[in-house]
Amino acid sequence: MPFRQATLALCGLVLLTAPLAASAQTANTTCQGGQQSIGLAPVATTCPIGRTPALSSFRFGFFNGDHRFRQATLLPNGETFDAAWADVGGEDPWFIEAKWHRIPEASGGVVTAVVQGIADIPITRGPPNTTLVLSGFEFKRADGTDANIRTIAIAMDSSSATIRTVLLDDQGNDYSNLARAIAVGFAFGAAGVPDPNMSFAATGVANSLFNSHGARLVPGQPTEEIIPAENPPPMIALRPGVLTTGVLRPGPLVVTPSTGTPPAPAPRTIEVSSPNARAYQVRVAYLWVPNTRLANTRMVSGGGRTRSVNDTSGTLPTGNYVLQGFSFNFDNSDHFIGGFGVHLRGGFPVRNEPSRADHVITWEDANWDDPIRWTARFSDLRPAPAR
């Protein structure tokens, strides 16, 4: 038994996935993984998922009730993904499960920022005829802190190359009438325009929040890593002077593979709609997917957890799909959190819970008695073109 697996077994933790596939993966590959753990953990998947695969489903949960929220991490990392689900102590046992679709012709990136409440984060614009899709994410409150949670959300706006993130607790305020802050009021799929008179302030938070390379983050100033496509389409370039009046003169034709890297973005400032809200660090992994691979972009929403017509509004996917955003909200107040996830084709098998087989989302504290509201925006995934 490998050392890491043996160590987990000694701790009572079970690795729930098959070993990584040794062979190279092809287009349209679906990879998934799940694990029980404590703290931050690398999670093996059924095949290498790449740096920016398209996220389809995920679910976090605690094994020992509910807790205040400090961190939710679900970030692809090449052959595996990094995961965490924790309050301030980080000692509670949790489980994670997630599924991705690899789209090798898509390019992407990871943007990191320290923000407050509701924030619109600019990213590098993608190639023409592509759409933003979610690849992974991390929400993290400052070291040494945690709090209840009312709302968590990500919205991708392809037209403005902007990602909206939301993380709110009541913090002594009543957000129940703030339509922008709760899921029922979101016009998801359009990031919206925050109040330009609201300025950014996050005193002291950056002292404990860093980017993936260990550099301190400046509140309101995002950092971004661009990740080229695995298999970019070829880009044909001609040597100067060889093309006149549509006739190619004799001479070599130069075929240059595209790097998949869009041009560097112009400096842009984060817009913040809730400057008095508790600050947090957010990291979003995104993907610019060719429109030829996507179909039937739509949103589903609900006030319950099952696929019943009484719980869900909108058409659920019947085949492969990729997420473009989500929102979750407790309508009555903020709460401890026990589980969180989007799994629109039904429950996951990790905890062998037949009672959840028809659940399409997870959003709950220790019981299911609080009024909730959620949305999920997604696109059906078309098959990869024949090669």
Protein backbone atom coordinates (compact mmCIF):
# COMPACT_ATOMS: atom_id res chain seq x y z
CA MET A 1 0.00 0.00 0.00
CA PRO A 2 1.44 3.42 -0.93
CA PHE A 3 2.67 5.50 2.02
CA ARG A 4 0.05 8.25 1.64
CA GLN A 5 -2.82 5.77 1.37
CA ALA A 6 -1.49 3.80 4.34
CA THR A 7 -1.26 6.99 6.39
CA LEU A 8 -4.86 7.89 5.57
CA ALA A 9 -5.96 4.40 6.52
CA LEU A 10 -4.26 4.69 9.90
CA CYS A 11 -6.17 7.94 10.46
CA GLY A 12 -9.46 6.27 9.57
CA LEU A 13 -9.59 8.06 6.24
CA VAL A 14 -10.39 6.26 3.00
CA LEU A 15 -9.25 7.18 -0.48
CA LEU A 16 -12.33 6.89 -2.67
CA THR A 17 -10.87 7.03 -6.15
CA ALA A 18 -9.00 4.78 -8.51
CA PRO A 19 -5.29 5.42 -9.18
CA LEU A 20 -4.41 7.97 -11.82
CA ALA A 21 -4.54 6.67 -15.35
CA ALA A 22 -1.08 6.25 -16.79
CA SER A 23 -1.94 6.88 -20.41
CA ALA A 24 -2.57 10.26 -21.99
CA GLN A 25 -6.20 11.37 -21.97
CA THR A 26 -8.12 12.24 -25.08
CA ALA A 27 -10.68 14.95 -25.77
CA ASN A 28 -14.04 14.63 -24.02
CA THR A 29 -12.44 12.88 -21.07
CA THR A 30 -14.49 12.90 -17.86
CA CYS A 31 -12.52 12.72 -14.62
CA GLN A 32 -13.84 12.55 -11.09
CA GLY A 33 -12.63 11.98 -7.56
CA GLY A 34 -13.66 11.97 -3.93
CA GLN A 35 -11.94 11.68 -0.60
CA GLN A 36 -12.37 11.96 3.15
CA SER A 37 -9.76 14.07 4.87
CA ILE A 38 -8.84 16.79 7.38
CA GLY A 39 -7.24 20.14 6.53
CA LEU A 40 -5.99 20.85 2.99
CA ALA A 41 -5.53 17.70 0.91
CA PRO A 42 -4.60 16.66 -2.64
CA VAL A 43 -7.33 14.43 -4.05
CA ALA A 44 -6.69 11.75 -6.67
CA THR A 45 -8.98 11.45 -9.67
CA THR A 46 -9.84 8.67 -12.09
CA CYS A 47 -7.65 10.37 -14.71
CA PRO A 48 -5.37 13.45 -14.81
CA ILE A 49 -7.69 16.46 -14.98
CA GLY A 50 -5.24 19.04 -16.33
CA ARG A 51 -4.76 22.63 -15.15
CA THR A 52 -8.15 24.03 -16.19
CA PRO A 53 -10.78 21.36 -16.81
CA ALA A 54 -14.46 22.36 -16.95
CA LEU A 55 -16.20 21.81 -13.61
CA SER A 56 -19.45 19.85 -13.79
CA SER A 57 -20.41 18.79 -10.24
CA PHE A 58 -19.10 19.11 -6.69
CA ARG A 59 -20.11 18.53 -3.08
CA PHE A 60 -18.49 19.41 0.26
CA GLY A 61 -19.66 18.10 3.64
CA PHE A 62 -18.59 17.75 7.26
CA PHE A 63 -18.83 14.39 9.02
CA ASN A 64 -19.40 15.92 12.47
CA GLY A 65 -22.28 18.35 12.12
CA ASP A 66 -21.99 21.98 11.04
CA HIS A 67 -19.43 24.69 11.70
CA ARG A 68 -18.61 28.32 11.08
CA PHE A 69 -17.09 28.91 7.65
CA ARG A 70 -13.48 29.77 6.96
CA GLN A 71 -12.45 27.96 3.77
CA ALA A 72 -13.78 26.08 0.75
CA THR A 73 -11.11 24.95 -1.75
CA LEU A 74 -11.73 23.06 -5.00
CA LEU A 75 -8.85 23.79 -7.39
CA PRO A 76 -7.50 21.63 -10.24
CA ASN A 77 -3.79 20.95 -9.99
CA GLY A 78 -2.73 19.00 -13.07
CA GLU A 79 -3.13 15.33 -12.20
CA THR A 80 -5.19 15.90 -9.04
CA PHE A 81 -7.17 18.64 -7.32
CA ASP A 82 -6.60 20.48 -4.04
CA ALA A 83 -9.48 20.50 -1.57
CA ALA A 84 -10.36 21.87 1.86
CA TRP A 85 -13.56 22.46 3.84
CA ALA A 86 -12.90 24.01 7.22
CA ASP A 87 -13.70 26.38 10.04
CA VAL A 88 -10.94 28.29 11.82
CA GLY A 89 -9.51 25.20 13.52
CA GLY A 90 -9.24 23.07 10.38
CA GLU A 91 -9.44 19.89 12.46
CA ASP A 92 -12.90 18.66 11.44
CA PRO A 93 -13.24 15.62 9.16
CA TRP A 94 -14.82 16.38 5.80
CA PHE A 95 -15.52 14.78 2.46
CA ILE A 96 -15.29 16.17 -1.08
CA GLU A 97 -16.36 14.84 -4.45
CA ALA A 98 -16.16 16.53 -7.83
CA LYS A 99 -16.37 15.86 -11.57
CA TRP A 100 -14.73 17.65 -14.51
CA HIS A 101 -14.73 17.41 -18.31
CA ARG A 102 -11.44 18.04 -20.08
CA ILE A 103 -11.72 20.35 -23.10
CA PRO A 104 -8.18 20.42 -24.52
CA GLU A 105 -8.84 23.18 -27.07
CA ALA A 106 -9.94 25.64 -24.33
CA SER A 107 -7.58 28.11 -22.65
CA GLY A 108 -8.06 29.50 -19.17
CA GLY A 109 -6.52 31.02 -16.10
CA VAL A 110 -6.68 31.55 -12.36
CA VAL A 111 -7.46 34.94 -10.81
CA THR A 112 -6.84 35.70 -7.13
CA ALA A 113 -8.00 38.71 -5.12
CA VAL A 114 -8.82 40.00 -1.65
CA VAL A 115 -12.31 41.50 -1.78
CA GLN A 116 -15.36 42.24 0.37
CA GLY A 117 -18.94 41.06 0.09
CA ILE A 118 -19.92 41.35 -3.60
CA ALA A 119 -17.05 42.03 -6.03
CA ASP A 120 -16.67 42.14 -9.82
CA ILE A 121 -13.18 40.90 -10.72
CA PRO A 122 -11.80 41.59 -14.22
CA ILE A 123 -9.92 38.84 -16.07
CA THR A 124 -8.08 38.55 -19.38
CA ARG A 125 -10.53 38.41 -22.26
CA GLY A 126 -10.65 35.08 -24.08
CA PRO A 127 -10.38 34.28 -27.80
CA PRO A 128 -13.29 35.17 -30.10
CA ASN A 129 -16.36 32.91 -30.05
CA THR A 130 -15.68 31.48 -26.60
CA THR A 131 -17.66 31.46 -23.36
CA LEU A 132 -16.54 31.57 -19.72
CA VAL A 133 -16.90 28.32 -17.80
CA LEU A 134 -16.00 27.56 -14.19
CA SER A 135 -13.01 25.30 -13.54
CA GLY A 136 -12.52 25.60 -9.77
CA PHE A 137 -12.59 28.03 -6.86
CA GLU A 138 -11.44 28.90 -3.37
CA PHE A 139 -13.09 31.13 -0.77
CA LYS A 140 -10.98 31.83 2.31
CA ARG A 141 -11.45 34.17 5.25
CA ALA A 142 -8.40 35.63 6.98
CA ASP A 143 -6.20 33.36 9.12
CA GLY A 144 -7.47 33.04 12.66
CA THR A 145 -11.06 33.94 11.71
CA ASP A 146 -14.29 32.27 10.71
CA ALA A 147 -17.96 33.30 10.71
CA ASN A 148 -21.45 32.14 9.88
CA ILE A 149 -22.48 32.23 6.25
CA ARG A 150 -25.58 33.58 4.52
CA THR A 151 -24.62 33.76 0.83
CA ILE A 152 -21.92 32.34 -1.43
CA ALA A 153 -21.87 32.75 -5.22
CA ILE A 154 -19.84 32.92 -8.42
CA ALA A 155 -21.16 34.46 -11.67
CA MET A 156 -19.24 34.46 -14.96
CA ASP A 157 -19.83 37.32 -17.43
CA SER A 158 -18.25 36.49 -20.79
CA SER A 159 -19.24 39.77 -22.46
CA SER A 160 -17.35 41.94 -19.97
CA ALA A 161 -14.66 39.34 -19.03
CA THR A 162 -15.66 39.71 -15.39
CA ILE A 163 -16.24 37.25 -12.57
CA ARG A 164 -18.59 38.24 -9.76
CA THR A 165 -17.98 36.62 -6.36
CA VAL A 166 -20.13 36.86 -3.24
CA LEU A 167 -19.46 35.80 0.36
CA LEU A 168 -21.71 37.31 3.04
CA ASP A 169 -22.66 36.78 6.64
CA ASP A 170 -25.06 39.04 8.51
CA GLN A 171 -22.25 40.74 10.45
CA GLY A 172 -24.81 42.62 12.52
CA ASN A 173 -26.63 43.80 9.38
CA ASP A 174 -29.90 42.65 7.86
CA TYR A 175 -29.26 41.61 4.26
CA SER A 176 -32.71 40.08 3.80
CA ASN A 177 -33.89 43.02 1.67
CA LEU A 178 -30.65 43.50 -0.27
CA ALA A 179 -31.65 41.86 -3.56
CA ARG A 180 -28.11 41.96 -4.93
CA ALA A 181 -26.87 40.00 -1.93
CA ILE A 182 -29.22 37.03 -2.00
CA ALA A 183 -29.70 34.36 -4.60
CA VAL A 184 -33.35 35.10 -5.37
CA GLY A 185 -32.35 38.58 -6.53
CA PHE A 186 -29.39 37.65 -8.73
CA ALA A 187 -29.68 38.17 -12.47
CA PHE A 188 -27.03 35.52 -12.94
CA GLY A 189 -25.18 35.30 -16.20
CA ALA A 190 -24.69 39.08 -16.15
CA ALA A 191 -22.27 40.34 -13.54
CA GLY A 192 -24.12 43.62 -13.18
CA VAL A 193 -22.75 47.06 -12.35
CA PRO A 194 -21.92 47.81 -8.70
CA ASP A 195 -22.48 51.23 -7.17
CA PRO A 196 -19.51 53.34 -8.38
CA ASN A 197 -19.62 55.43 -5.20
CA MET A 198 -18.66 52.49 -3.00
CA SER A 199 -14.94 52.30 -2.39
CA PHE A 200 -12.76 49.37 -1.34
CA ALA A 201 -11.31 49.01 2.15
CA ALA A 202 -9.91 45.91 3.85
CA THR A 203 -7.59 47.04 6.61
CA GLY A 204 -5.21 44.40 7.88
CA VAL A 205 -6.69 41.47 5.98
CA ALA A 206 -3.83 41.10 3.48
CA ASN A 207 -1.41 40.35 6.33
CA SER A 208 -2.57 36.72 6.34
CA LEU A 209 -3.71 36.18 2.74
CA PHE A 210 -1.33 35.27 -0.06
CA ASN A 211 -1.43 34.17 -3.69
CA SER A 212 -0.43 30.69 -4.86
CA HIS A 213 3.25 31.73 -5.04
CA GLY A 214 3.36 33.04 -1.47
CA ALA A 215 3.27 36.74 -2.36
CA ARG A 216 1.14 39.08 -0.25
CA LEU A 217 -2.05 40.23 -1.87
CA VAL A 218 -3.02 43.89 -2.14
CA PRO A 219 -6.74 44.33 -1.40
CA GLY A 220 -8.65 45.19 -4.55
CA GLN A 221 -5.79 44.36 -6.95
CA PRO A 222 -6.23 40.93 -8.57
CA THR A 223 -3.35 38.74 -9.70
CA GLU A 224 -3.85 36.41 -12.66
CA GLU A 225 -2.13 33.38 -14.13
CA ILE A 226 -2.93 32.58 -17.77
CA ILE A 227 -3.04 28.90 -18.73
CA PRO A 228 -2.82 28.06 -22.47
CA ALA A 229 -4.93 25.40 -24.13
CA GLU A 230 -3.61 21.85 -24.03
CA ASN A 231 -4.27 21.33 -27.76
CA PRO A 232 -4.73 24.78 -29.32
CA PRO A 233 -6.04 24.93 -32.88
CA PRO A 234 -3.34 25.66 -35.46
CA MET A 235 -2.93 29.26 -36.53
CA ILE A 236 -1.76 29.77 -40.13
CA ALA A 237 0.65 32.63 -40.75
CA LEU A 238 2.21 33.57 -44.12
CA ARG A 239 5.64 35.04 -44.59
CA PRO A 240 5.56 38.72 -45.60
CA GLY A 241 4.96 39.36 -49.27
CA VAL A 242 3.91 35.90 -50.35
CA LEU A 243 0.23 36.73 -50.75
CA THR A 244 -0.89 39.13 -53.50
CA THR A 245 -4.38 39.51 -54.97
CA GLY A 246 -5.40 36.24 -53.41
CA VAL A 247 -2.72 34.17 -55.19
CA LEU A 248 -0.09 32.35 -53.17
CA ARG A 249 3.30 32.68 -54.81
CA PRO A 250 5.70 29.75 -54.69
CA GLY A 251 7.37 29.49 -51.33
CA PRO A 252 7.04 27.69 -48.01
CA LEU A 253 3.85 28.01 -46.00
CA VAL A 254 4.59 28.58 -42.32
CA VAL A 255 2.16 26.95 -39.90
CA THR A 256 2.58 28.29 -36.37
CA PRO A 257 0.77 26.57 -33.49
CA SER A 258 -1.22 29.02 -31.43
CA THR A 259 0.01 29.54 -27.86
CA GLY A 260 -3.57 29.81 -26.68
CA THR A 261 -2.57 32.85 -24.61
CA PRO A 262 -4.76 35.93 -25.09
CA PRO A 263 -3.16 39.38 -25.06
CA ALA A 264 -2.35 40.90 -21.67
CA PRO A 265 -5.29 42.77 -20.15
CA ALA A 266 -5.35 46.50 -19.58
CA PRO A 267 -5.20 47.43 -15.87
CA ARG A 268 -8.69 47.33 -14.39
CA THR A 269 -9.96 47.96 -10.88
CA ILE A 270 -12.17 45.63 -8.89
CA GLU A 271 -15.66 46.98 -8.31
CA VAL A 272 -17.02 46.30 -4.82
CA SER A 273 -20.69 46.58 -3.94
CA SER A 274 -20.47 45.98 -0.20
CA PRO A 275 -17.44 47.77 1.30
CA ASN A 276 -18.52 47.20 4.90
CA ALA A 277 -18.79 43.43 4.55
CA ARG A 278 -16.21 41.02 5.94
CA ALA A 279 -13.19 40.66 3.64
CA TYR A 280 -12.12 37.36 2.11
CA GLN A 281 -9.64 35.95 -0.39
CA VAL A 282 -11.12 34.40 -3.50
CA ARG A 283 -9.44 32.37 -6.22
CA VAL A 284 -11.36 31.38 -9.34
CA ALA A 285 -10.06 29.00 -12.01
CA TYR A 286 -11.84 29.69 -15.30
CA LEU A 287 -11.94 28.36 -18.84
CA TRP A 288 -12.74 30.01 -22.19
CA VAL A 289 -14.56 27.22 -24.05
CA PRO A 290 -15.21 27.42 -27.82
CA ASN A 291 -18.90 28.05 -28.45
CA THR A 292 -18.99 25.06 -30.78
CA ARG A 293 -18.64 22.83 -27.69
CA LEU A 294 -21.55 24.39 -25.75
CA ALA A 295 -25.33 24.26 -26.17
CA ASN A 296 -28.50 25.27 -24.33
CA THR A 297 -27.02 27.68 -21.80
CA ARG A 298 -29.60 28.13 -19.07
CA MET A 299 -30.25 28.58 -15.37
CA VAL A 300 -32.10 26.39 -12.90
CA SER A 301 -33.17 27.57 -9.46
CA GLY A 302 -35.02 26.35 -6.44
CA GLY A 303 -36.09 26.69 -2.84
CA GLY A 304 -35.57 23.01 -2.02
CA ARG A 305 -33.00 20.34 -2.71
CA THR A 306 -34.64 17.74 -4.94
CA ARG A 307 -35.54 17.51 -8.63
CA SER A 308 -39.25 17.72 -7.80
CA VAL A 309 -41.21 20.38 -9.66
CA ASN A 310 -42.00 21.88 -6.25
CA ASP A 311 -38.29 22.30 -5.49
CA THR A 312 -36.73 23.19 -8.85
CA SER A 313 -37.51 25.65 -11.63
CA GLY A 314 -35.89 25.19 -15.04
CA THR A 315 -34.72 22.29 -17.20
CA LEU A 316 -32.10 20.07 -15.60
CA PRO A 317 -29.37 18.46 -17.74
CA THR A 318 -29.79 14.91 -18.97
CA GLY A 319 -26.24 14.51 -20.31
CA ASN A 320 -22.84 16.08 -19.75
CA TYR A 321 -22.83 19.71 -18.64
CA VAL A 322 -20.38 22.37 -17.42
CA LEU A 323 -21.02 24.98 -14.74
CA GLN A 324 -20.93 28.72 -15.41
CA GLY A 325 -21.93 29.93 -11.96
CA PHE A 326 -23.94 29.24 -8.82
CA SER A 327 -25.50 31.02 -5.87
CA PHE A 328 -26.67 29.80 -2.46
CA ASN A 329 -28.52 31.73 0.22
CA PHE A 330 -30.19 31.22 3.59
CA ASP A 331 -33.27 33.43 3.45
CA ASN A 332 -33.80 33.92 7.19
CA SER A 333 -30.32 34.67 8.61
CA ASP A 334 -26.73 33.48 8.47
CA HIS A 335 -25.93 29.99 9.77
CA PHE A 336 -23.25 27.46 10.51
CA ILE A 337 -22.66 25.37 7.38
CA GLY A 338 -22.62 21.59 7.05
CA GLY A 339 -22.63 20.97 3.28
CA PHE A 340 -22.45 22.81 -0.03
CA GLY A 341 -22.56 21.64 -3.64
CA VAL A 342 -24.06 21.51 -7.14
CA HIS A 343 -24.83 18.06 -8.60
CA LEU A 344 -27.68 18.59 -11.02
CA ARG A 345 -27.97 15.00 -12.21
CA GLY A 346 -28.50 13.66 -8.71
CA GLY A 347 -26.71 12.81 -5.49
CA PHE A 348 -23.19 11.44 -5.22
CA PRO A 349 -22.31 8.00 -3.86
CA VAL A 350 -19.48 8.94 -1.49
CA ARG A 351 -21.51 8.51 1.72
CA ASN A 352 -23.95 5.90 0.43
CA GLU A 353 -27.01 8.05 1.15
CA PRO A 354 -30.04 6.69 -0.75
CA SER A 355 -32.19 9.46 0.75
CA ARG A 356 -30.20 12.02 -1.27
CA ALA A 357 -30.38 10.21 -4.62
CA ASP A 358 -32.69 12.85 -6.10
CA HIS A 359 -30.94 15.87 -4.56
CA VAL A 360 -29.59 18.30 -7.15
CA ILE A 361 -27.82 20.66 -4.71
CA THR A 362 -26.41 20.58 -1.20
CA TRP A 363 -26.86 23.64 1.03
CA GLU A 364 -27.54 23.08 4.72
CA ASP A 365 -26.53 23.48 8.32
CA ALA A 366 -27.03 20.55 10.71
CA ASN A 367 -30.68 20.26 9.72
CA TRP A 368 -32.81 21.11 6.68
CA ASP A 369 -35.34 23.40 8.32
CA ASP A 370 -34.15 26.84 7.08
CA PRO A 371 -35.62 28.53 3.98
CA ILE A 372 -33.06 28.52 1.18
CA ARG A 373 -32.71 29.84 -2.35
CA TRP A 374 -30.22 28.70 -4.97
CA THR A 375 -29.37 29.06 -8.66
CA ALA A 376 -27.05 27.21 -11.02
CA ARG A 377 -26.12 28.37 -14.53
CA PHE A 378 -24.69 25.80 -16.92
CA SER A 379 -24.35 24.70 -20.54
CA ASP A 380 -24.78 21.27 -22.07
CA LEU A 381 -21.45 20.00 -23.38
CA ARG A 382 -21.32 18.95 -27.03
CA PRO A 383 -19.14 15.98 -28.00
CA ALA A 384 -15.57 16.67 -29.04
CA PRO A 385 -15.10 16.95 -32.81
CA ALA A 386 -13.75 13.89 -34.58
CA ARG A 387 -10.00 14.01 -35.25
